[in-house]
Amino acid sequence: MQRLLDVLEAQTHAISMSCNAQKTVCMVVRPKRRDRIVANGFPLLSIGINSIQFVSEFQYLGHVINSCMSDDDDINREYKFVDTSV
């Protein structure tokens, strides 16, 4: 993964662009079967000199994505916005 980020950073630099490491996150999705877990921790990833934050959930295009592959939190969040008085 770090090699891919290094290639990304080099290619964006080559076309006079940059990656915003403050808006870039990494999330490890846990497998449903516990015997498929390969590691409990992962090395820090970086874009250039900036480290990428590891998160357990984030919001993408208005939808909350989490590492447990569950959308229960997002459904509950959306349910709170529904007006029940109609």
C-alpha atoms as a PDB file:
ATOM      1  CA  MET A   1       0.000   0.000   0.000  1.00  0.00           C
ATOM      2  CA  GLN A   2       2.827   2.394   0.826  1.00  0.00           C
ATOM      3  CA  ARG A   3       4.374   1.755  -2.587  1.00  0.00           C
ATOM      4  CA  LEU A   4       1.080   2.657  -4.253  1.00  0.00           C
ATOM      5  CA  LEU A   5       0.903   5.869  -2.251  1.00  0.00           C
ATOM      6  CA  ASP A   6       4.487   6.680  -3.260  1.00  0.00           C
ATOM      7  CA  VAL A   7       3.590   6.185  -6.940  1.00  0.00           C
ATOM      8  CA  LEU A   8       0.475   8.333  -6.481  1.00  0.00           C
ATOM      9  CA  GLU A   9       2.502  11.104  -4.879  1.00  0.00           C
ATOM     10  CA  ALA A  10       5.173  10.973  -7.603  1.00  0.00           C
ATOM     11  CA  GLN A  11       2.632  11.023 -10.425  1.00  0.00           C
ATOM     12  CA  THR A  12       0.607  13.881  -8.951  1.00  0.00           C
ATOM     13  CA  HIS A  13       3.832  15.832  -8.491  1.00  0.00           C
ATOM     14  CA  ALA A  14       4.735  15.151 -12.152  1.00  0.00           C
ATOM     15  CA  ILE A  15       1.517  16.844 -13.320  1.00  0.00           C
ATOM     16  CA  SER A  16       1.786  19.720 -10.814  1.00  0.00           C
ATOM     17  CA  MET A  17      -0.897  18.431  -8.474  1.00  0.00           C
ATOM     18  CA  SER A  18      -0.791  17.370  -4.838  1.00  0.00           C
ATOM     19  CA  CYS A  19      -2.596  15.011  -2.479  1.00  0.00           C
ATOM     20  CA  ASN A  20      -4.157  16.427   0.664  1.00  0.00           C
ATOM     21  CA  ALA A  21      -3.102  14.042   3.435  1.00  0.00           C
ATOM     22  CA  GLN A  22      -5.429  15.882   5.851  1.00  0.00           C
ATOM     23  CA  LYS A  23      -8.440  14.678   3.831  1.00  0.00           C
ATOM     24  CA  THR A  24      -7.071  11.191   3.175  1.00  0.00           C
ATOM     25  CA  VAL A  25      -7.772   8.378   5.636  1.00  0.00           C
ATOM     26  CA  CYS A  26      -7.136   4.651   5.793  1.00  0.00           C
ATOM     27  CA  MET A  27      -9.606   2.132   7.139  1.00  0.00           C
ATOM     28  CA  VAL A  28      -8.942  -1.556   7.749  1.00  0.00           C
ATOM     29  CA  VAL A  29     -12.090  -3.580   7.144  1.00  0.00           C
ATOM     30  CA  ARG A  30     -12.323  -6.489   9.529  1.00  0.00           C
ATOM     31  CA  PRO A  31     -13.228  -9.856   7.997  1.00  0.00           C
ATOM     32  CA  LYS A  32     -16.441 -11.527   9.127  1.00  0.00           C
ATOM     33  CA  ARG A  33     -14.524 -14.691  10.046  1.00  0.00           C
ATOM     34  CA  ARG A  34     -12.081 -14.078  12.898  1.00  0.00           C
ATOM     35  CA  ASP A  35      -9.694 -16.766  11.625  1.00  0.00           C
ATOM     36  CA  ARG A  36      -9.048 -14.552   8.553  1.00  0.00           C
ATOM     37  CA  ILE A  37      -7.495 -11.691  10.573  1.00  0.00           C
ATOM     38  CA  VAL A  38      -3.920 -11.222   9.373  1.00  0.00           C
ATOM     39  CA  ALA A  39      -2.749  -8.582  11.881  1.00  0.00           C
ATOM     40  CA  ASN A  40      -3.985  -6.515  14.812  1.00  0.00           C
ATOM     41  CA  GLY A  41      -1.935  -3.478  13.850  1.00  0.00           C
ATOM     42  CA  PHE A  42      -0.623  -1.970  10.657  1.00  0.00           C
ATOM     43  CA  PRO A  43       2.299   0.352   9.931  1.00  0.00           C
ATOM     44  CA  LEU A  44       1.636   4.028   9.418  1.00  0.00           C
ATOM     45  CA  LEU A  45       1.140   5.054   5.812  1.00  0.00           C
ATOM     46  CA  SER A  46       2.173   8.418   4.445  1.00  0.00           C
ATOM     47  CA  ILE A  47       1.875  10.656   1.428  1.00  0.00           C
ATOM     48  CA  GLY A  48       5.225  12.395   1.159  1.00  0.00           C
ATOM     49  CA  ILE A  49       6.096  13.510   4.684  1.00  0.00           C
ATOM     50  CA  ASN A  50       2.467  13.539   5.915  1.00  0.00           C
ATOM     51  CA  SER A  51       1.055  10.536   7.771  1.00  0.00           C
ATOM     52  CA  ILE A  52      -2.376   9.195   6.932  1.00  0.00           C
ATOM     53  CA  GLN A  53      -4.803   8.759   9.807  1.00  0.00           C
ATOM     54  CA  PHE A  54      -6.347   5.332  10.464  1.00  0.00           C
ATOM     55  CA  VAL A  55     -10.089   5.522  11.204  1.00  0.00           C
ATOM     56  CA  SER A  56     -12.813   3.043  12.130  1.00  0.00           C
ATOM     57  CA  GLU A  57     -15.486   4.997  10.246  1.00  0.00           C
ATOM     58  CA  PHE A  58     -15.826   7.963   7.915  1.00  0.00           C
ATOM     59  CA  GLN A  59     -18.475   9.736   5.913  1.00  0.00           C
ATOM     60  CA  TYR A  60     -18.236   9.483   2.134  1.00  0.00           C
ATOM     61  CA  LEU A  61     -20.758  11.180  -0.137  1.00  0.00           C
ATOM     62  CA  GLY A  62     -23.183  11.485   2.753  1.00  0.00           C
ATOM     63  CA  HIS A  63     -23.010   7.826   3.773  1.00  0.00           C
ATOM     64  CA  VAL A  64     -21.186   6.589   6.877  1.00  0.00           C
ATOM     65  CA  ILE A  65     -18.844   3.687   6.171  1.00  0.00           C
ATOM     66  CA  ASN A  66     -17.369   1.696   9.059  1.00  0.00           C
ATOM     67  CA  SER A  67     -14.828  -1.078   9.501  1.00  0.00           C
ATOM     68  CA  CYS A  68     -17.418  -3.604  10.722  1.00  0.00           C
ATOM     69  CA  MET A  69     -19.242  -3.546   7.367  1.00  0.00           C
ATOM     70  CA  SER A  70     -22.419  -2.467   9.134  1.00  0.00           C
ATOM     71  CA  ASP A  71     -24.600   0.485   8.235  1.00  0.00           C
ATOM     72  CA  ASP A  72     -26.639   0.419  11.445  1.00  0.00           C
ATOM     73  CA  ASP A  73     -25.070   3.673  12.696  1.00  0.00           C
ATOM     74  CA  ASP A  74     -25.816   5.384   9.402  1.00  0.00           C
ATOM     75  CA  ILE A  75     -29.424   4.145   9.376  1.00  0.00           C
ATOM     76  CA  ASN A  76     -29.909   5.387  12.944  1.00  0.00           C
ATOM     77  CA  ARG A  77     -28.390   8.763  11.987  1.00  0.00           C
ATOM     78  CA  GLU A  78     -30.721   9.071   8.990  1.00  0.00           C
ATOM     79  CA  TYR A  79     -33.716   7.978  11.066  1.00  0.00           C
ATOM     80  CA  LYS A  80     -33.146  10.886  13.455  1.00  0.00           C
ATOM     81  CA  PHE A  81     -33.595  13.316  10.538  1.00  0.00           C
ATOM     82  CA  VAL A  82     -36.986  11.911   9.556  1.00  0.00           C
ATOM     83  CA  ASP A  83     -39.864  14.100  10.695  1.00  0.00           C
ATOM     84  CA  THR A  84     -42.344  11.769  12.438  1.00  0.00           C
ATOM     85  CA  SER A  85     -44.967  14.502  12.908  1.00  0.00           C
ATOM     86  CA  VAL A  86     -46.104  14.324   9.252  1.00  0.00           C
END
